[in-house]
Amino acid sequence: MREEEKFEVIWDNAQRMPEMERIVFYELERKKLVVGLLLAISFFGGGGLIYSGKTVKGALLLLANGLLLAGFLSLQGLGPLTTGETFVGGSVFLIPLILAIYVYSMVEAKRAIEKYNKRLYLMVFDRRPP
């Protein structure tokens, strides 16, 4: 079901609900920001976007982050060759890219979750048609 159709169904059903039932429905259906951010941090950077409903963008970030991590690990080899060498030359460029994907994913997940929750609130509690 597309997001537009989902919100139309929510609006139709919310018009028939008593006020207390609307509050419970909203609390159950809204996306939690903490969950989105934890998924963005722990699931290769794309999990928060997948949770917030931006599946394609989240999957692409997941794939890009996985490829960058694979490149980083392949450049590491078996370990440092000398005692002071912790990063090989190519991986110095990959670490900022990987961190940038994580930060971008967290910001986008936060924005998408807030947008979804705002729209859900309007559909559940507003009396005007969408």
N, C-alpha and C. Protein backbone atom coordinates (compact mmCIF):
# COMPACT_ATOMS: atom_id res chain seq x y z
N MET A 1 0.84 -1.17 0.00
CA MET A 1 0.00 0.00 0.00
C MET A 1 0.89 1.24 0.00
N ARG A 2 0.58 2.16 -0.89
CA ARG A 2 1.33 3.41 -0.94
C ARG A 2 1.03 4.26 0.28
N GLU A 3 1.92 5.21 0.54
CA GLU A 3 1.77 6.05 1.72
C GLU A 3 0.52 6.93 1.62
N GLU A 4 0.21 7.42 0.42
CA GLU A 4 -0.98 8.25 0.24
C GLU A 4 -2.24 7.47 0.58
N GLU A 5 -2.32 6.24 0.08
CA GLU A 5 -3.49 5.40 0.36
C GLU A 5 -3.60 5.08 1.84
N LYS A 6 -2.46 4.84 2.47
CA LYS A 6 -2.45 4.54 3.90
C LYS A 6 -3.00 5.70 4.71
N PHE A 7 -2.58 6.93 4.38
CA PHE A 7 -3.06 8.08 5.13
C PHE A 7 -4.54 8.37 4.85
N GLU A 8 -5.02 8.06 3.66
CA GLU A 8 -6.45 8.22 3.37
C GLU A 8 -7.28 7.26 4.22
N VAL A 9 -6.80 6.02 4.34
CA VAL A 9 -7.50 5.03 5.17
C VAL A 9 -7.47 5.45 6.63
N ILE A 10 -6.34 5.96 7.09
CA ILE A 10 -6.22 6.43 8.48
C ILE A 10 -7.19 7.57 8.72
N TRP A 11 -7.28 8.53 7.78
CA TRP A 11 -8.19 9.66 7.96
C TRP A 11 -9.64 9.19 8.01
N ASP A 12 -10.01 8.27 7.10
CA ASP A 12 -11.39 7.74 7.09
C ASP A 12 -11.72 7.05 8.41
N ASN A 13 -10.82 6.24 8.90
CA ASN A 13 -11.07 5.52 10.16
C ASN A 13 -11.05 6.45 11.37
N ALA A 14 -10.19 7.47 11.33
CA ALA A 14 -10.09 8.38 12.47
C ALA A 14 -11.35 9.22 12.65
N GLN A 15 -12.09 9.43 11.57
CA GLN A 15 -13.32 10.22 11.68
C GLN A 15 -14.40 9.49 12.48
N ARG A 16 -14.29 8.16 12.52
CA ARG A 16 -15.28 7.35 13.24
C ARG A 16 -14.84 6.96 14.65
N MET A 17 -13.62 7.30 15.03
CA MET A 17 -13.10 6.90 16.34
C MET A 17 -13.47 7.92 17.41
N PRO A 18 -13.72 7.45 18.64
CA PRO A 18 -13.82 8.39 19.76
C PRO A 18 -12.44 9.00 20.06
N GLU A 19 -12.44 10.08 20.82
CA GLU A 19 -11.20 10.84 21.07
C GLU A 19 -10.12 10.00 21.75
N MET A 20 -10.48 9.23 22.75
CA MET A 20 -9.49 8.42 23.47
C MET A 20 -8.89 7.35 22.56
N GLU A 21 -9.71 6.79 21.71
CA GLU A 21 -9.21 5.77 20.78
C GLU A 21 -8.25 6.39 19.76
N ARG A 22 -8.50 7.63 19.37
CA ARG A 22 -7.59 8.33 18.46
C ARG A 22 -6.22 8.51 19.10
N ILE A 23 -6.21 8.88 20.36
CA ILE A 23 -4.93 9.10 21.07
C ILE A 23 -4.13 7.81 21.13
N VAL A 24 -4.80 6.72 21.47
CA VAL A 24 -4.12 5.42 21.54
C VAL A 24 -3.62 5.01 20.16
N PHE A 25 -4.45 5.20 19.13
CA PHE A 25 -4.06 4.84 17.77
C PHE A 25 -2.84 5.64 17.33
N TYR A 26 -2.84 6.95 17.62
CA TYR A 26 -1.70 7.77 17.23
C TYR A 26 -0.42 7.31 17.92
N GLU A 27 -0.51 7.01 19.20
CA GLU A 27 0.69 6.58 19.94
C GLU A 27 1.21 5.23 19.43
N LEU A 28 0.32 4.37 18.98
CA LEU A 28 0.76 3.08 18.45
C LEU A 28 1.34 3.19 17.04
N GLU A 29 0.81 4.09 16.24
CA GLU A 29 1.21 4.18 14.84
C GLU A 29 2.39 5.10 14.57
N ARG A 30 2.67 6.02 15.47
CA ARG A 30 3.75 6.96 15.20
C ARG A 30 5.10 6.27 15.25
N LYS A 31 6.04 6.82 14.50
CA LYS A 31 7.41 6.29 14.47
C LYS A 31 8.18 6.90 15.63
N LYS A 32 8.96 6.07 16.29
CA LYS A 32 9.77 6.54 17.43
C LYS A 32 11.13 7.00 16.93
N LEU A 33 11.52 8.20 17.32
CA LEU A 33 12.78 8.78 16.87
C LEU A 33 13.98 7.99 17.40
N VAL A 34 13.90 7.53 18.63
CA VAL A 34 15.01 6.78 19.22
C VAL A 34 15.28 5.50 18.44
N VAL A 35 14.23 4.81 18.05
CA VAL A 35 14.39 3.58 17.29
C VAL A 35 15.04 3.87 15.94
N GLY A 36 14.57 4.92 15.27
CA GLY A 36 15.15 5.28 13.98
C GLY A 36 16.62 5.62 14.06
N LEU A 37 17.00 6.38 15.09
CA LEU A 37 18.40 6.76 15.23
C LEU A 37 19.27 5.57 15.62
N LEU A 38 18.76 4.70 16.47
CA LEU A 38 19.53 3.50 16.83
C LEU A 38 19.72 2.59 15.63
N LEU A 39 18.71 2.47 14.80
CA LEU A 39 18.85 1.66 13.59
C LEU A 39 19.83 2.31 12.61
N ALA A 40 19.82 3.64 12.54
CA ALA A 40 20.76 4.33 11.65
C ALA A 40 22.19 4.13 12.11
N ILE A 41 22.41 4.07 13.41
CA ILE A 41 23.76 3.89 13.93
C ILE A 41 24.22 2.43 13.80
N SER A 42 23.34 1.51 14.11
CA SER A 42 23.76 0.12 14.22
C SER A 42 23.60 -0.70 12.95
N PHE A 43 22.82 -0.25 12.00
CA PHE A 43 22.50 -1.08 10.83
C PHE A 43 23.08 -0.48 9.56
N PHE A 44 24.39 -0.26 9.54
CA PHE A 44 25.11 0.25 8.36
C PHE A 44 24.57 1.57 7.84
N GLY A 45 23.94 2.35 8.66
CA GLY A 45 23.52 3.68 8.25
C GLY A 45 22.22 3.78 7.49
N GLY A 46 21.66 2.72 6.97
CA GLY A 46 20.44 2.81 6.20
C GLY A 46 19.21 2.32 6.93
N GLY A 47 19.39 1.70 8.08
CA GLY A 47 18.28 1.12 8.81
C GLY A 47 17.26 2.14 9.29
N GLY A 48 17.72 3.31 9.69
CA GLY A 48 16.80 4.34 10.16
C GLY A 48 15.90 4.84 9.05
N LEU A 49 16.43 4.95 7.83
CA LEU A 49 15.62 5.37 6.70
C LEU A 49 14.64 4.29 6.29
N ILE A 50 15.04 3.05 6.38
CA ILE A 50 14.12 1.96 6.06
C ILE A 50 12.98 1.96 7.06
N TYR A 51 13.27 2.16 8.33
CA TYR A 51 12.25 2.23 9.37
C TYR A 51 11.29 3.39 9.16
N SER A 52 11.82 4.52 8.71
CA SER A 52 10.98 5.71 8.55
C SER A 52 10.16 5.69 7.27
N GLY A 53 10.35 4.70 6.42
CA GLY A 53 9.53 4.58 5.23
C GLY A 53 10.25 4.92 3.94
N LYS A 54 11.47 5.37 4.01
CA LYS A 54 12.26 5.69 2.82
C LYS A 54 13.13 4.48 2.48
N THR A 55 12.49 3.42 1.97
CA THR A 55 13.14 2.13 1.79
C THR A 55 14.23 2.17 0.73
N VAL A 56 13.96 2.79 -0.40
CA VAL A 56 14.94 2.78 -1.50
C VAL A 56 16.19 3.57 -1.10
N LYS A 57 15.99 4.75 -0.53
CA LYS A 57 17.13 5.56 -0.11
C LYS A 57 17.92 4.84 0.99
N GLY A 58 17.23 4.20 1.93
CA GLY A 58 17.90 3.44 2.97
C GLY A 58 18.68 2.26 2.43
N ALA A 59 18.09 1.55 1.46
CA ALA A 59 18.79 0.41 0.87
C ALA A 59 20.03 0.85 0.10
N LEU A 60 19.93 1.98 -0.61
CA LEU A 60 21.10 2.49 -1.33
C LEU A 60 22.21 2.92 -0.37
N LEU A 61 21.85 3.58 0.72
CA LEU A 61 22.86 3.94 1.72
C LEU A 61 23.46 2.71 2.38
N LEU A 62 22.63 1.71 2.62
CA LEU A 62 23.12 0.46 3.19
C LEU A 62 24.14 -0.19 2.25
N LEU A 63 23.82 -0.22 0.96
CA LEU A 63 24.72 -0.81 -0.02
C LEU A 63 26.02 -0.01 -0.13
N ALA A 64 25.91 1.31 -0.21
CA ALA A 64 27.10 2.15 -0.31
C ALA A 64 27.99 2.01 0.92
N ASN A 65 27.38 2.00 2.09
CA ASN A 65 28.16 1.86 3.31
C ASN A 65 28.80 0.48 3.40
N GLY A 66 28.09 -0.54 2.97
CA GLY A 66 28.67 -1.89 2.95
C GLY A 66 29.86 -1.98 2.02
N LEU A 67 29.75 -1.35 0.85
CA LEU A 67 30.88 -1.36 -0.08
C LEU A 67 32.08 -0.58 0.47
N LEU A 68 31.82 0.55 1.08
CA LEU A 68 32.92 1.32 1.67
C LEU A 68 33.58 0.57 2.83
N LEU A 69 32.76 -0.08 3.65
CA LEU A 69 33.34 -0.88 4.74
C LEU A 69 34.14 -2.06 4.21
N ALA A 70 33.66 -2.69 3.14
CA ALA A 70 34.40 -3.80 2.54
C ALA A 70 35.73 -3.30 1.98
N GLY A 71 35.71 -2.14 1.34
CA GLY A 71 36.97 -1.57 0.84
C GLY A 71 37.92 -1.22 1.97
N PHE A 72 37.37 -0.66 3.03
CA PHE A 72 38.20 -0.31 4.19
C PHE A 72 38.85 -1.55 4.79
N LEU A 73 38.06 -2.61 4.97
CA LEU A 73 38.61 -3.83 5.56
C LEU A 73 39.59 -4.53 4.63
N SER A 74 39.36 -4.46 3.33
CA SER A 74 40.30 -5.10 2.41
C SER A 74 41.62 -4.34 2.35
N LEU A 75 41.59 -3.02 2.55
CA LEU A 75 42.83 -2.25 2.57
C LEU A 75 43.60 -2.45 3.87
N GLN A 76 42.92 -2.89 4.91
CA GLN A 76 43.60 -3.12 6.18
C GLN A 76 44.51 -4.33 6.13
N GLY A 77 44.15 -5.31 5.36
CA GLY A 77 44.97 -6.51 5.29
C GLY A 77 44.90 -7.28 6.60
N LEU A 78 45.98 -7.88 6.97
CA LEU A 78 46.02 -8.68 8.20
C LEU A 78 46.39 -7.86 9.42
N GLY A 79 46.77 -6.64 9.24
CA GLY A 79 47.15 -5.79 10.37
C GLY A 79 48.25 -4.84 9.96
N PRO A 80 48.63 -3.99 10.86
CA PRO A 80 49.70 -3.03 10.54
C PRO A 80 51.03 -3.74 10.34
N LEU A 81 51.81 -3.20 9.40
CA LEU A 81 53.09 -3.81 9.10
C LEU A 81 54.16 -3.36 10.09
N THR A 82 54.02 -2.14 10.58
CA THR A 82 54.96 -1.67 11.58
C THR A 82 54.15 -1.23 12.81
N THR A 83 54.82 -0.94 13.89
CA THR A 83 54.12 -0.64 15.14
C THR A 83 53.34 0.67 15.09
N GLY A 84 53.76 1.66 14.33
CA GLY A 84 53.07 2.94 14.30
C GLY A 84 52.02 3.05 13.21
N GLU A 85 51.93 2.06 12.37
CA GLU A 85 51.04 2.14 11.22
C GLU A 85 49.70 1.48 11.56
N THR A 86 48.69 2.30 11.76
CA THR A 86 47.37 1.73 12.06
C THR A 86 46.45 1.76 10.85
N PHE A 87 46.58 2.76 9.99
CA PHE A 87 45.75 2.85 8.80
C PHE A 87 46.62 2.85 7.57
N VAL A 88 46.17 2.13 6.56
CA VAL A 88 46.87 2.13 5.28
C VAL A 88 46.40 3.36 4.50
N GLY A 89 47.16 3.80 3.53
CA GLY A 89 46.88 5.05 2.82
C GLY A 89 45.47 5.21 2.31
N GLY A 90 44.91 4.21 1.63
CA GLY A 90 43.57 4.33 1.05
C GLY A 90 42.47 4.42 2.08
N SER A 91 42.68 3.82 3.23
CA SER A 91 41.62 3.82 4.23
C SER A 91 41.45 5.17 4.91
N VAL A 92 42.44 6.03 4.82
CA VAL A 92 42.32 7.36 5.40
C VAL A 92 41.23 8.15 4.68
N PHE A 93 41.04 7.88 3.40
CA PHE A 93 39.99 8.54 2.64
C PHE A 93 38.63 7.89 2.86
N LEU A 94 38.62 6.62 3.20
CA LEU A 94 37.34 5.91 3.37
C LEU A 94 36.68 6.19 4.72
N ILE A 95 37.45 6.41 5.75
CA ILE A 95 36.87 6.65 7.08
C ILE A 95 35.97 7.89 7.10
N PRO A 96 36.39 9.03 6.56
CA PRO A 96 35.46 10.17 6.55
C PRO A 96 34.20 9.92 5.71
N LEU A 97 34.33 9.18 4.62
CA LEU A 97 33.15 8.86 3.82
C LEU A 97 32.17 7.97 4.58
N ILE A 98 32.69 6.99 5.29
CA ILE A 98 31.83 6.11 6.08
C ILE A 98 31.14 6.89 7.18
N LEU A 99 31.88 7.74 7.86
CA LEU A 99 31.28 8.56 8.93
C LEU A 99 30.26 9.54 8.36
N ALA A 100 30.52 10.08 7.17
CA ALA A 100 29.58 11.01 6.54
C ALA A 100 28.27 10.31 6.21
N ILE A 101 28.35 9.06 5.77
CA ILE A 101 27.12 8.31 5.48
C ILE A 101 26.32 8.08 6.75
N TYR A 102 26.99 7.76 7.84
CA TYR A 102 26.28 7.57 9.11
C TYR A 102 25.60 8.86 9.57
N VAL A 103 26.30 9.98 9.49
CA VAL A 103 25.72 11.26 9.91
C VAL A 103 24.56 11.65 9.00
N TYR A 104 24.75 11.52 7.70
CA TYR A 104 23.69 11.85 6.75
C TYR A 104 22.46 10.97 6.99
N SER A 105 22.68 9.70 7.24
CA SER A 105 21.58 8.78 7.47
C SER A 105 20.81 9.14 8.74
N MET A 106 21.52 9.53 9.79
CA MET A 106 20.83 9.92 11.03
C MET A 106 20.01 11.19 10.83
N VAL A 107 20.57 12.17 10.12
CA VAL A 107 19.85 13.42 9.88
C VAL A 107 18.61 13.17 9.01
N GLU A 108 18.76 12.38 7.96
CA GLU A 108 17.63 12.09 7.09
C GLU A 108 16.57 11.25 7.79
N ALA A 109 16.98 10.30 8.62
CA ALA A 109 16.01 9.50 9.37
C ALA A 109 15.23 10.37 10.34
N LYS A 110 15.91 11.28 11.01
CA LYS A 110 15.23 12.19 11.94
C LYS A 110 14.22 13.06 11.20
N ARG A 111 14.61 13.59 10.05
CA ARG A 111 13.72 14.44 9.27
C ARG A 111 12.51 13.65 8.75
N ALA A 112 12.74 12.44 8.26
CA ALA A 112 11.65 11.63 7.71
C ALA A 112 10.68 11.19 8.80
N ILE A 113 11.20 10.85 9.97
CA ILE A 113 10.32 10.42 11.07
C ILE A 113 9.49 11.60 11.56
N GLU A 114 10.09 12.76 11.69
CA GLU A 114 9.32 13.94 12.13
C GLU A 114 8.25 14.30 11.11
N LYS A 115 8.57 14.20 9.83
CA LYS A 115 7.58 14.50 8.78
C LYS A 115 6.43 13.50 8.82
N TYR A 116 6.77 12.21 8.98
CA TYR A 116 5.73 11.17 9.05
C TYR A 116 4.83 11.39 10.26
N ASN A 117 5.41 11.67 11.42
CA ASN A 117 4.62 11.86 12.65
C ASN A 117 3.73 13.10 12.55
N LYS A 118 4.24 14.15 11.94
CA LYS A 118 3.44 15.36 11.77
C LYS A 118 2.24 15.10 10.87
N ARG A 119 2.47 14.40 9.79
CA ARG A 119 1.37 14.07 8.87
C ARG A 119 0.37 13.12 9.52
N LEU A 120 0.85 12.16 10.26
CA LEU A 120 -0.04 11.24 10.97
C LEU A 120 -0.89 11.98 11.98
N TYR A 121 -0.29 12.93 12.70
CA TYR A 121 -1.04 13.71 13.69
C TYR A 121 -2.16 14.50 13.01
N LEU A 122 -1.85 15.10 11.88
CA LEU A 122 -2.88 15.85 11.16
C LEU A 122 -4.00 14.94 10.67
N MET A 123 -3.66 13.75 10.21
CA MET A 123 -4.68 12.83 9.72
C MET A 123 -5.57 12.30 10.83
N VAL A 124 -5.00 12.08 12.00
CA VAL A 124 -5.78 11.50 13.10
C VAL A 124 -6.62 12.55 13.82
N PHE A 125 -6.07 13.73 14.06
CA PHE A 125 -6.75 14.70 14.92
C PHE A 125 -7.41 15.86 14.17
N ASP A 126 -7.12 16.05 12.91
CA ASP A 126 -7.71 17.15 12.17
C ASP A 126 -9.03 16.71 11.55
N ARG A 127 -10.02 17.58 11.56
CA ARG A 127 -11.35 17.26 11.05
C ARG A 127 -11.51 17.58 9.56
N ARG A 128 -10.58 18.32 8.98
CA ARG A 128 -10.70 18.66 7.56
C ARG A 128 -10.28 17.48 6.70
N PRO A 129 -10.88 17.31 5.52
CA PRO A 129 -10.45 16.22 4.63
C PRO A 129 -9.05 16.46 4.11
N PRO A 130 -8.34 15.38 3.81
CA PRO A 130 -6.95 15.52 3.32
C PRO A 130 -6.87 16.17 1.96
